[in-house]
Amino acid sequence: MRVKICGIRSLDEAKEVIEAGADALGFHVELDHSRCPVAAATASGIISKLPPFISSVVVTSETDPKKLLLIMKSTGATTLQLHKEVSPEAVNAVKSVFFKRKYTSLFR
């Protein structure tokens, strides 16, 4: 089982929930009606300081693929959670850009 704690707004909060056993931290970036919103730049600053095996999740109600890509790139988050109905086309547009990975062989 993995545990995600949402609503992280500071590095101190991040450290506390990691110490408590969280595996993933959720950041409310451009999430309608959030009680604990955080700017993408603030989320980025926290995410850049997370230990390597802690996942970072942007939780957003944004639906525009271009804006979603901008949010993900600007925060450095590893996971996107959409908190609003989004068309399959929009999801595929984001996945096709954001989740492209280049792999190189460790053995030559």
PDB file of N, CA and C in Angstrom:
ATOM      1  N   MET A   1       0.845  -1.180   0.000  1.00  0.00           N
ATOM      2  CA  MET A   1       0.000   0.000   0.000  1.00  0.00           C
ATOM      3  C   MET A   1       0.888   1.240   0.000  1.00  0.00           C
ATOM      4  N   ARG A   2       0.466   2.241  -0.764  1.00  0.00           N
ATOM      5  CA  ARG A   2       1.157   3.522  -0.793  1.00  0.00           C
ATOM      6  C   ARG A   2       0.203   4.591  -0.253  1.00  0.00           C
ATOM      7  N   VAL A   3       0.775   5.622   0.365  1.00  0.00           N
ATOM      8  CA  VAL A   3      -0.028   6.684   0.958  1.00  0.00           C
ATOM      9  C   VAL A   3       0.346   8.020   0.339  1.00  0.00           C
ATOM     10  N   LYS A   4      -0.685   8.765  -0.114  1.00  0.00           N
ATOM     11  CA  LYS A   4      -0.483  10.117  -0.636  1.00  0.00           C
ATOM     12  C   LYS A   4      -1.169  11.101   0.291  1.00  0.00           C
ATOM     13  N   ILE A   5      -0.457  12.154   0.661  1.00  0.00           N
ATOM     14  CA  ILE A   5      -1.026  13.232   1.472  1.00  0.00           C
ATOM     15  C   ILE A   5      -1.093  14.468   0.588  1.00  0.00           C
ATOM     16  N   CYS A   6      -2.282  15.049   0.471  1.00  0.00           N
ATOM     17  CA  CYS A   6      -2.476  16.222  -0.376  1.00  0.00           C
ATOM     18  C   CYS A   6      -2.505  17.509   0.442  1.00  0.00           C
ATOM     19  N   GLY A   7      -2.351  18.599  -0.285  1.00  0.00           N
ATOM     20  CA  GLY A   7      -2.468  19.918   0.336  1.00  0.00           C
ATOM     21  C   GLY A   7      -1.150  20.453   0.858  1.00  0.00           C
ATOM     22  N   ILE A   8      -0.053  19.942   0.358  1.00  0.00           N
ATOM     23  CA  ILE A   8       1.268  20.390   0.821  1.00  0.00           C
ATOM     24  C   ILE A   8       1.510  21.807   0.309  1.00  0.00           C
ATOM     25  N   ARG A   9       1.912  22.704   1.241  1.00  0.00           N
ATOM     26  CA  ARG A   9       2.166  24.097   0.867  1.00  0.00           C
ATOM     27  C   ARG A   9       3.532  24.611   1.301  1.00  0.00           C
ATOM     28  N   SER A  10       4.276  23.784   2.029  1.00  0.00           N
ATOM     29  CA  SER A  10       5.595  24.245   2.479  1.00  0.00           C
ATOM     30  C   SER A  10       6.536  23.053   2.614  1.00  0.00           C
ATOM     31  N   LEU A  11       7.819  23.352   2.630  1.00  0.00           N
ATOM     32  CA  LEU A  11       8.814  22.299   2.800  1.00  0.00           C
ATOM     33  C   LEU A  11       8.686  21.656   4.175  1.00  0.00           C
ATOM     34  N   ASP A  12       8.356  22.450   5.186  1.00  0.00           N
ATOM     35  CA  ASP A  12       8.163  21.888   6.530  1.00  0.00           C
ATOM     36  C   ASP A  12       7.011  20.887   6.551  1.00  0.00           C
ATOM     37  N   GLU A  13       5.897  21.217   5.885  1.00  0.00           N
ATOM     38  CA  GLU A  13       4.780  20.270   5.801  1.00  0.00           C
ATOM     39  C   GLU A  13       5.218  19.003   5.080  1.00  0.00           C
ATOM     40  N   ALA A  14       5.971  19.168   4.001  1.00  0.00           N
ATOM     41  CA  ALA A  14       6.450  18.008   3.238  1.00  0.00           C
ATOM     42  C   ALA A  14       7.298  17.107   4.120  1.00  0.00           C
ATOM     43  N   LYS A  15       8.214  17.687   4.861  1.00  0.00           N
ATOM     44  CA  LYS A  15       9.082  16.899   5.740  1.00  0.00           C
ATOM     45  C   LYS A  15       8.268  16.160   6.803  1.00  0.00           C
ATOM     46  N   GLU A  16       7.266  16.823   7.359  1.00  0.00           N
ATOM     47  CA  GLU A  16       6.441  16.203   8.400  1.00  0.00           C
ATOM     48  C   GLU A  16       5.684  14.986   7.876  1.00  0.00           C
ATOM     49  N   VAL A  17       5.061  15.114   6.699  1.00  0.00           N
ATOM     50  CA  VAL A  17       4.272  13.989   6.189  1.00  0.00           C
ATOM     51  C   VAL A  17       5.164  12.849   5.695  1.00  0.00           C
ATOM     52  N   ILE A  18       6.343  13.182   5.207  1.00  0.00           N
ATOM     53  CA  ILE A  18       7.293  12.131   4.823  1.00  0.00           C
ATOM     54  C   ILE A  18       7.739  11.375   6.066  1.00  0.00           C
ATOM     55  N   GLU A  19       8.036  12.114   7.131  1.00  0.00           N
ATOM     56  CA  GLU A  19       8.416  11.490   8.405  1.00  0.00           C
ATOM     57  C   GLU A  19       7.301  10.605   8.942  1.00  0.00           C
ATOM     58  N   ALA A  20       6.062  10.992   8.681  1.00  0.00           N
ATOM     59  CA  ALA A  20       4.903  10.223   9.139  1.00  0.00           C
ATOM     60  C   ALA A  20       4.642   8.998   8.263  1.00  0.00           C
ATOM     61  N   GLY A  21       5.361   8.883   7.144  1.00  0.00           N
ATOM     62  CA  GLY A  21       5.229   7.683   6.321  1.00  0.00           C
ATOM     63  C   GLY A  21       4.622   7.859   4.948  1.00  0.00           C
ATOM     64  N   ALA A  22       4.367   9.093   4.526  1.00  0.00           N
ATOM     65  CA  ALA A  22       3.782   9.307   3.199  1.00  0.00           C
ATOM     66  C   ALA A  22       4.754   8.888   2.098  1.00  0.00           C
ATOM     67  N   ASP A  23       4.202   8.289   1.056  1.00  0.00           N
ATOM     68  CA  ASP A  23       4.987   7.879  -0.116  1.00  0.00           C
ATOM     69  C   ASP A  23       4.878   8.897  -1.241  1.00  0.00           C
ATOM     70  N   ALA A  24       3.815   9.688  -1.212  1.00  0.00           N
ATOM     71  CA  ALA A  24       3.567  10.667  -2.265  1.00  0.00           C
ATOM     72  C   ALA A  24       2.968  11.923  -1.643  1.00  0.00           C
ATOM     73  N   LEU A  25       3.327  13.066  -2.237  1.00  0.00           N
ATOM     74  CA  LEU A  25       2.809  14.348  -1.759  1.00  0.00           C
ATOM     75  C   LEU A  25       2.001  14.994  -2.865  1.00  0.00           C
ATOM     76  N   GLY A  26       0.819  15.513  -2.511  1.00  0.00           N
ATOM     77  CA  GLY A  26      -0.056  16.157  -3.482  1.00  0.00           C
ATOM     78  C   GLY A  26      -0.019  17.664  -3.346  1.00  0.00           C
ATOM     79  N   PHE A  27       0.069  18.337  -4.484  1.00  0.00           N
ATOM     80  CA  PHE A  27       0.138  19.792  -4.534  1.00  0.00           C
ATOM     81  C   PHE A  27      -1.047  20.319  -5.331  1.00  0.00           C
ATOM     82  N   HIS A  28      -1.896  21.149  -4.709  1.00  0.00           N
ATOM     83  CA  HIS A  28      -3.089  21.696  -5.356  1.00  0.00           C
ATOM     84  C   HIS A  28      -2.700  22.911  -6.187  1.00  0.00           C
ATOM     85  N   VAL A  29      -2.373  22.675  -7.439  1.00  0.00           N
ATOM     86  CA  VAL A  29      -1.974  23.749  -8.349  1.00  0.00           C
ATOM     87  C   VAL A  29      -3.127  24.013  -9.306  1.00  0.00           C
ATOM     88  N   GLU A  30      -3.655  25.224  -9.254  1.00  0.00           N
ATOM     89  CA  GLU A  30      -4.803  25.607 -10.087  1.00  0.00           C
ATOM     90  C   GLU A  30      -5.960  24.625  -9.924  1.00  0.00           C
ATOM     91  N   LEU A  31      -6.254  24.317  -8.676  1.00  0.00           N
ATOM     92  CA  LEU A  31      -7.366  23.428  -8.337  1.00  0.00           C
ATOM     93  C   LEU A  31      -8.520  24.273  -7.823  1.00  0.00           C
ATOM     94  N   ASP A  32      -9.645  24.251  -8.563  1.00  0.00           N
ATOM     95  CA  ASP A  32     -10.818  25.026  -8.163  1.00  0.00           C
ATOM     96  C   ASP A  32     -11.247  24.686  -6.742  1.00  0.00           C
ATOM     97  N   HIS A  33     -11.549  25.709  -5.975  1.00  0.00           N
ATOM     98  CA  HIS A  33     -12.113  25.572  -4.632  1.00  0.00           C
ATOM     99  C   HIS A  33     -11.194  24.836  -3.653  1.00  0.00           C
ATOM    100  N   SER A  34      -9.903  24.850  -3.893  1.00  0.00           N
ATOM    101  CA  SER A  34      -8.969  24.189  -2.975  1.00  0.00           C
ATOM    102  C   SER A  34      -8.875  24.975  -1.676  1.00  0.00           C
ATOM    103  N   ARG A  35      -8.810  24.249  -0.571  1.00  0.00           N
ATOM    104  CA  ARG A  35      -8.604  24.879   0.734  1.00  0.00           C
ATOM    105  C   ARG A  35      -7.127  25.112   1.006  1.00  0.00           C
ATOM    106  N   CYS A  36      -6.273  24.536   0.167  1.00  0.00           N
ATOM    107  CA  CYS A  36      -4.835  24.683   0.378  1.00  0.00           C
ATOM    108  C   CYS A  36      -4.105  24.801  -0.961  1.00  0.00           C
ATOM    109  N   PRO A  37      -4.391  25.882  -1.706  1.00  0.00           N
ATOM    110  CA  PRO A  37      -3.754  26.051  -3.013  1.00  0.00           C
ATOM    111  C   PRO A  37      -2.274  26.401  -2.865  1.00  0.00           C
ATOM    112  N   VAL A  38      -1.528  26.080  -3.900  1.00  0.00           N
ATOM    113  CA  VAL A  38      -0.112  26.422  -3.930  1.00  0.00           C
ATOM    114  C   VAL A  38       0.240  26.834  -5.356  1.00  0.00           C
ATOM    115  N   ALA A  39       1.088  27.834  -5.473  1.00  0.00           N
ATOM    116  CA  ALA A  39       1.541  28.279  -6.793  1.00  0.00           C
ATOM    117  C   ALA A  39       2.493  27.241  -7.376  1.00  0.00           C
ATOM    118  N   ALA A  40       2.532  27.162  -8.694  1.00  0.00           N
ATOM    119  CA  ALA A  40       3.423  26.207  -9.357  1.00  0.00           C
ATOM    120  C   ALA A  40       4.875  26.435  -8.947  1.00  0.00           C
ATOM    121  N   ALA A  41       5.290  27.682  -8.811  1.00  0.00           N
ATOM    122  CA  ALA A  41       6.671  27.982  -8.432  1.00  0.00           C
ATOM    123  C   ALA A  41       6.981  27.484  -7.015  1.00  0.00           C
ATOM    124  N   THR A  42       6.029  27.622  -6.113  1.00  0.00           N
ATOM    125  CA  THR A  42       6.218  27.131  -4.747  1.00  0.00           C
ATOM    126  C   THR A  42       6.297  25.609  -4.736  1.00  0.00           C
ATOM    127  N   ALA A  43       5.381  24.972  -5.485  1.00  0.00           N
ATOM    128  CA  ALA A  43       5.405  23.508  -5.580  1.00  0.00           C
ATOM    129  C   ALA A  43       6.745  23.040  -6.137  1.00  0.00           C
ATOM    130  N   SER A  44       7.237  23.719  -7.149  1.00  0.00           N
ATOM    131  CA  SER A  44       8.516  23.364  -7.759  1.00  0.00           C
ATOM    132  C   SER A  44       9.657  23.425  -6.750  1.00  0.00           C
ATOM    133  N   GLY A  45       9.670  24.469  -5.939  1.00  0.00           N
ATOM    134  CA  GLY A  45      10.708  24.610  -4.924  1.00  0.00           C
ATOM    135  C   GLY A  45      10.687  23.484  -3.911  1.00  0.00           C
ATOM    136  N   ILE A  46       9.507  23.035  -3.541  1.00  0.00           N
ATOM    137  CA  ILE A  46       9.373  21.925  -2.586  1.00  0.00           C
ATOM    138  C   ILE A  46       9.745  20.608  -3.266  1.00  0.00           C
ATOM    139  N   ILE A  47       9.200  20.384  -4.454  1.00  0.00           N
ATOM    140  CA  ILE A  47       9.431  19.135  -5.187  1.00  0.00           C
ATOM    141  C   ILE A  47      10.921  18.921  -5.448  1.00  0.00           C
ATOM    142  N   SER A  48      11.629  19.991  -5.745  1.00  0.00           N
ATOM    143  CA  SER A  48      13.061  19.860  -6.045  1.00  0.00           C
ATOM    144  C   SER A  48      13.875  19.405  -4.834  1.00  0.00           C
ATOM    145  N   LYS A  49      13.292  19.499  -3.656  1.00  0.00           N
ATOM    146  CA  LYS A  49      13.998  19.114  -2.430  1.00  0.00           C
ATOM    147  C   LYS A  49      13.525  17.779  -1.854  1.00  0.00           C
ATOM    148  N   LEU A  50      12.611  17.094  -2.555  1.00  0.00           N
ATOM    149  CA  LEU A  50      12.085  15.823  -2.050  1.00  0.00           C
ATOM    150  C   LEU A  50      13.114  14.711  -2.213  1.00  0.00           C
ATOM    151  N   PRO A  51      13.093  13.752  -1.285  1.00  0.00           N
ATOM    152  CA  PRO A  51      13.964  12.574  -1.442  1.00  0.00           C
ATOM    153  C   PRO A  51      13.603  11.819  -2.722  1.00  0.00           C
ATOM    154  N   PRO A  52      14.533  11.052  -3.265  1.00  0.00           N
ATOM    155  CA  PRO A  52      14.337  10.419  -4.574  1.00  0.00           C
ATOM    156  C   PRO A  52      13.153   9.461  -4.689  1.00  0.00           C
ATOM    157  N   PHE A  53      12.741   8.806  -3.634  1.00  0.00           N
ATOM    158  CA  PHE A  53      11.673   7.811  -3.773  1.00  0.00           C
ATOM    159  C   PHE A  53      10.312   8.317  -3.298  1.00  0.00           C
ATOM    160  N   ILE A  54      10.194   9.614  -3.118  1.00  0.00           N
ATOM    161  CA  ILE A  54       8.911  10.221  -2.771  1.00  0.00           C
ATOM    162  C   ILE A  54       8.308  10.784  -4.053  1.00  0.00           C
ATOM    163  N   SER A  55       7.093  10.362  -4.366  1.00  0.00           N
ATOM    164  CA  SER A  55       6.419  10.836  -5.574  1.00  0.00           C
ATOM    165  C   SER A  55       5.779  12.196  -5.331  1.00  0.00           C
ATOM    166  N   SER A  56       5.730  12.998  -6.377  1.00  0.00           N
ATOM    167  CA  SER A  56       5.079  14.311  -6.306  1.00  0.00           C
ATOM    168  C   SER A  56       3.907  14.312  -7.287  1.00  0.00           C
ATOM    169  N   VAL A  57       2.758  14.760  -6.790  1.00  0.00           N
ATOM    170  CA  VAL A  57       1.521  14.711  -7.575  1.00  0.00           C
ATOM    171  C   VAL A  57       0.923  16.109  -7.671  1.00  0.00           C
ATOM    172  N   VAL A  58       0.717  16.590  -8.884  1.00  0.00           N
ATOM    173  CA  VAL A  58      -0.029  17.829  -9.075  1.00  0.00           C
ATOM    174  C   VAL A  58      -1.492  17.448  -9.181  1.00  0.00           C
ATOM    175  N   VAL A  59      -2.319  18.045  -8.331  1.00  0.00           N
ATOM    176  CA  VAL A  59      -3.762  17.853  -8.374  1.00  0.00           C
ATOM    177  C   VAL A  59      -4.342  19.149  -8.920  1.00  0.00           C
ATOM    178  N   THR A  60      -5.036  19.068 -10.042  1.00  0.00           N
ATOM    179  CA  THR A  60      -5.515  20.285 -10.693  1.00  0.00           C
ATOM    180  C   THR A  60      -6.881  20.074 -11.338  1.00  0.00           C
ATOM    181  N   SER A  61      -7.605  21.169 -11.495  1.00  0.00           N
ATOM    182  CA  SER A  61      -8.866  21.117 -12.231  1.00  0.00           C
ATOM    183  C   SER A  61      -8.702  21.744 -13.616  1.00  0.00           C
ATOM    184  N   GLU A  62      -7.480  22.080 -13.968  1.00  0.00           N
ATOM    185  CA  GLU A  62      -7.186  22.602 -15.309  1.00  0.00           C
ATOM    186  C   GLU A  62      -7.492  21.512 -16.341  1.00  0.00           C
ATOM    187  N   THR A  63      -8.023  21.895 -17.478  1.00  0.00           N
ATOM    188  CA  THR A  63      -8.368  20.904 -18.504  1.00  0.00           C
ATOM    189  C   THR A  63      -7.676  21.153 -19.842  1.00  0.00           C
ATOM    190  N   ASP A  64      -7.103  22.321 -20.017  1.00  0.00           N
ATOM    191  CA  ASP A  64      -6.440  22.644 -21.280  1.00  0.00           C
ATOM    192  C   ASP A  64      -5.087  21.929 -21.353  1.00  0.00           C
ATOM    193  N   PRO A  65      -4.869  21.107 -22.390  1.00  0.00           N
ATOM    194  CA  PRO A  65      -3.620  20.347 -22.478  1.00  0.00           C
ATOM    195  C   PRO A  65      -2.359  21.203 -22.421  1.00  0.00           C
ATOM    196  N   LYS A  66      -2.374  22.353 -23.085  1.00  0.00           N
ATOM    197  CA  LYS A  66      -1.184  23.222 -23.068  1.00  0.00           C
ATOM    198  C   LYS A  66      -0.895  23.731 -21.664  1.00  0.00           C
ATOM    199  N   LYS A  67      -1.937  24.097 -20.940  1.00  0.00           N
ATOM    200  CA  LYS A  67      -1.756  24.582 -19.573  1.00  0.00           C
ATOM    201  C   LYS A  67      -1.322  23.442 -18.645  1.00  0.00           C
ATOM    202  N   LEU A  68      -1.871  22.245 -18.875  1.00  0.00           N
ATOM    203  CA  LEU A  68      -1.463  21.089 -18.072  1.00  0.00           C
ATOM    204  C   LEU A  68       0.020  20.792 -18.263  1.00  0.00           C
ATOM    205  N   LEU A  69       0.472  20.843 -19.507  1.00  0.00           N
ATOM    206  CA  LEU A  69       1.895  20.609 -19.782  1.00  0.00           C
ATOM    207  C   LEU A  69       2.759  21.667 -19.115  1.00  0.00           C
ATOM    208  N   LEU A  70       2.322  22.902 -19.169  1.00  0.00           N
ATOM    209  CA  LEU A  70       3.067  23.982 -18.531  1.00  0.00           C
ATOM    210  C   LEU A  70       3.156  23.772 -17.019  1.00  0.00           C
ATOM    211  N   ILE A  71       2.049  23.379 -16.413  1.00  0.00           N
ATOM    212  CA  ILE A  71       2.037  23.112 -14.971  1.00  0.00           C
ATOM    213  C   ILE A  71       3.009  21.989 -14.627  1.00  0.00           C
ATOM    214  N   MET A  72       2.950  20.902 -15.389  1.00  0.00           N
ATOM    215  CA  MET A  72       3.821  19.760 -15.099  1.00  0.00           C
ATOM    216  C   MET A  72       5.290  20.102 -15.304  1.00  0.00           C
ATOM    217  N   LYS A  73       5.592  20.810 -16.373  1.00  0.00           N
ATOM    218  CA  LYS A  73       6.985  21.181 -16.625  1.00  0.00           C
ATOM    219  C   LYS A  73       7.494  22.171 -15.585  1.00  0.00           C
ATOM    220  N   SER A  74       6.650  23.109 -15.196  1.00  0.00           N
ATOM    221  CA  SER A  74       7.105  24.141 -14.261  1.00  0.00           C
ATOM    222  C   SER A  74       7.243  23.625 -12.827  1.00  0.00           C
ATOM    223  N   THR A  75       6.493  22.580 -12.483  1.00  0.00           N
ATOM    224  CA  THR A  75       6.589  22.060 -11.115  1.00  0.00           C
ATOM    225  C   THR A  75       7.613  20.941 -10.976  1.00  0.00           C
ATOM    226  N   GLY A  76       7.824  20.184 -12.040  1.00  0.00           N
ATOM    227  CA  GLY A  76       8.714  19.028 -11.947  1.00  0.00           C
ATOM    228  C   GLY A  76       8.057  17.826 -11.295  1.00  0.00           C
ATOM    229  N   ALA A  77       6.734  17.863 -11.140  1.00  0.00           N
ATOM    230  CA  ALA A  77       6.008  16.752 -10.515  1.00  0.00           C
ATOM    231  C   ALA A  77       6.106  15.494 -11.377  1.00  0.00           C
ATOM    232  N   THR A  78       6.011  14.347 -10.719  1.00  0.00           N
ATOM    233  CA  THR A  78       6.120  13.066 -11.415  1.00  0.00           C
ATOM    234  C   THR A  78       4.768  12.499 -11.839  1.00  0.00           C
ATOM    235  N   THR A  79       3.686  13.009 -11.240  1.00  0.00           N
ATOM    236  CA  THR A  79       2.354  12.458 -11.497  1.00  0.00           C
ATOM    237  C   THR A  79       1.348  13.597 -11.618  1.00  0.00           C
ATOM    238  N   LEU A  80       0.373  13.399 -12.491  1.00  0.00           N
ATOM    239  CA  LEU A  80      -0.696  14.371 -12.693  1.00  0.00           C
ATOM    240  C   LEU A  80      -2.017  13.730 -12.300  1.00  0.00           C
ATOM    241  N   GLN A  81      -2.765  14.389 -11.413  1.00  0.00           N
ATOM    242  CA  GLN A  81      -4.099  13.935 -11.025  1.00  0.00           C
ATOM    243  C   GLN A  81      -5.096  14.991 -11.472  1.00  0.00           C
ATOM    244  N   LEU A  82      -5.981  14.599 -12.373  1.00  0.00           N
ATOM    245  CA  LEU A  82      -6.976  15.522 -12.902  1.00  0.00           C
ATOM    246  C   LEU A  82      -8.229  15.459 -12.047  1.00  0.00           C
ATOM    247  N   HIS A  83      -8.631  16.598 -11.539  1.00  0.00           N
ATOM    248  CA  HIS A  83      -9.744  16.673 -10.601  1.00  0.00           C
ATOM    249  C   HIS A  83     -10.960  17.309 -11.261  1.00  0.00           C
ATOM    250  N   LYS A  84     -11.156  16.977 -12.516  1.00  0.00           N
ATOM    251  CA  LYS A  84     -12.289  17.496 -13.279  1.00  0.00           C
ATOM    252  C   LYS A  84     -12.416  16.604 -14.504  1.00  0.00           C
ATOM    253  N   GLU A  85     -13.576  16.576 -15.087  1.00  0.00           N
ATOM    254  CA  GLU A  85     -13.754  15.762 -16.287  1.00  0.00           C
ATOM    255  C   GLU A  85     -12.920  16.343 -17.426  1.00  0.00           C
ATOM    256  N   VAL A  86     -12.113  15.486 -18.023  1.00  0.00           N
ATOM    257  CA  VAL A  86     -11.224  15.890 -19.109  1.00  0.00           C
ATOM    258  C   VAL A  86     -11.457  14.937 -20.274  1.00  0.00           C
ATOM    259  N   SER A  87     -11.442  15.484 -21.477  1.00  0.00           N
ATOM    260  CA  SER A  87     -11.681  14.647 -22.646  1.00  0.00           C
ATOM    261  C   SER A  87     -10.531  13.669 -22.850  1.00  0.00           C
ATOM    262  N   PRO A  88     -10.818  12.506 -23.426  1.00  0.00           N
ATOM    263  CA  PRO A  88      -9.752  11.551 -23.729  1.00  0.00           C
ATOM    264  C   PRO A  88      -8.681  12.171 -24.629  1.00  0.00           C
ATOM    265  N   GLU A  89      -9.097  13.061 -25.531  1.00  0.00           N
ATOM    266  CA  GLU A  89      -8.137  13.710 -26.424  1.00  0.00           C
ATOM    267  C   GLU A  89      -7.156  14.571 -25.632  1.00  0.00           C
ATOM    268  N   ALA A  90      -7.650  15.285 -24.639  1.00  0.00           N
ATOM    269  CA  ALA A  90      -6.778  16.128 -23.812  1.00  0.00           C
ATOM    270  C   ALA A  90      -5.805  15.265 -23.011  1.00  0.00           C
ATOM    271  N   VAL A  91      -6.294  14.175 -22.457  1.00  0.00           N
ATOM    272  CA  VAL A  91      -5.426  13.272 -21.694  1.00  0.00           C
ATOM    273  C   VAL A  91      -4.334  12.707 -22.596  1.00  0.00           C
ATOM    274  N   ASN A  92      -4.721  12.253 -23.774  1.00  0.00           N
ATOM    275  CA  ASN A  92      -3.735  11.693 -24.709  1.00  0.00           C
ATOM    276  C   ASN A  92      -2.731  12.735 -25.177  1.00  0.00           C
ATOM    277  N   ALA A  93      -3.182  13.980 -25.352  1.00  0.00           N
ATOM    278  CA  ALA A  93      -2.267  15.050 -25.760  1.00  0.00           C
ATOM    279  C   ALA A  93      -1.201  15.274 -24.700  1.00  0.00           C
ATOM    280  N   VAL A  94      -1.611  15.265 -23.440  1.00  0.00           N
ATOM    281  CA  VAL A  94      -0.655  15.457 -22.343  1.00  0.00           C
ATOM    282  C   VAL A  94       0.266  14.253 -22.232  1.00  0.00           C
ATOM    283  N   LYS A  95      -0.317  13.068 -22.271  1.00  0.00           N
ATOM    284  CA  LYS A  95       0.500  11.851 -22.157  1.00  0.00           C
ATOM    285  C   LYS A  95       1.523  11.749 -23.279  1.00  0.00           C
ATOM    286  N   SER A  96       1.126  12.109 -24.487  1.00  0.00           N
ATOM    287  CA  SER A  96       2.032  11.944 -25.624  1.00  0.00           C
ATOM    288  C   SER A  96       3.245  12.859 -25.520  1.00  0.00           C
ATOM    289  N   VAL A  97       3.115  13.990 -24.854  1.00  0.00           N
ATOM    290  CA  VAL A  97       4.248  14.909 -24.693  1.00  0.00           C
ATOM    291  C   VAL A  97       4.982  14.641 -23.380  1.00  0.00           C
ATOM    292  N   PHE A  98       4.232  14.615 -22.299  1.00  0.00           N
ATOM    293  CA  PHE A  98       4.852  14.534 -20.975  1.00  0.00           C
ATOM    294  C   PHE A  98       5.469  13.176 -20.693  1.00  0.00           C
ATOM    295  N   PHE A  99       4.855  12.123 -21.184  1.00  0.00           N
ATOM    296  CA  PHE A  99       5.331  10.799 -20.821  1.00  0.00           C
ATOM    297  C   PHE A  99       6.222  10.155 -21.876  1.00  0.00           C
ATOM    298  N   LYS A 100       6.762  10.956 -22.772  1.00  0.00           N
ATOM    299  CA  LYS A 100       7.758  10.420 -23.705  1.00  0.00           C
ATOM    300  C   LYS A 100       9.054  10.247 -22.928  1.00  0.00           C
ATOM    301  N   ARG A 101       9.631   9.112 -23.052  1.00  0.00           N
ATOM    302  CA  ARG A 101      10.889   8.843 -22.370  1.00  0.00           C
ATOM    303  C   ARG A 101      11.879   8.286 -23.360  1.00  0.00           C
ATOM    304  N   LYS A 102      13.100   8.682 -23.207  1.00  0.00           N
ATOM    305  CA  LYS A 102      14.162   8.120 -24.023  1.00  0.00           C
ATOM    306  C   LYS A 102      14.975   7.203 -23.124  1.00  0.00           C
ATOM    307  N   TYR A 103      15.181   6.008 -23.584  1.00  0.00           N
ATOM    308  CA  TYR A 103      15.949   5.048 -22.817  1.00  0.00           C
ATOM    309  C   TYR A 103      17.226   4.734 -23.579  1.00  0.00           C
ATOM    310  N   THR A 104      18.290   4.673 -22.870  1.00  0.00           N
ATOM    311  CA  THR A 104      19.547   4.245 -23.484  1.00  0.00           C
ATOM    312  C   THR A 104      20.035   3.033 -22.746  1.00  0.00           C
ATOM    313  N   SER A 105      20.717   2.195 -23.442  1.00  0.00           N
ATOM    314  CA  SER A 105      21.208   0.961 -22.844  1.00  0.00           C
ATOM    315  C   SER A 105      22.352   1.250 -21.890  1.00  0.00           C
ATOM    316  N   LEU A 106      22.355   0.558 -20.779  1.00  0.00           N
ATOM    317  CA  LEU A 106      23.485   0.654 -19.847  1.00  0.00           C
ATOM    318  C   LEU A 106      24.640  -0.182 -20.341  1.00  0.00           C
ATOM    319  N   PHE A 107      24.346  -1.096 -21.235  1.00  0.00           N
ATOM    320  CA  PHE A 107      25.374  -1.986 -21.766  1.00  0.00           C
ATOM    321  C   PHE A 107      25.564  -1.714 -23.239  1.00  0.00           C
ATOM    322  N   ARG A 108      26.771  -1.562 -23.640  1.00  0.00           N
ATOM    323  CA  ARG A 108      27.021  -1.291 -25.073  1.00  0.00           C
ATOM    324  C   ARG A 108      27.771  -2.413 -25.701  1.00  0.00           C
TER     325      ARG A 108
END
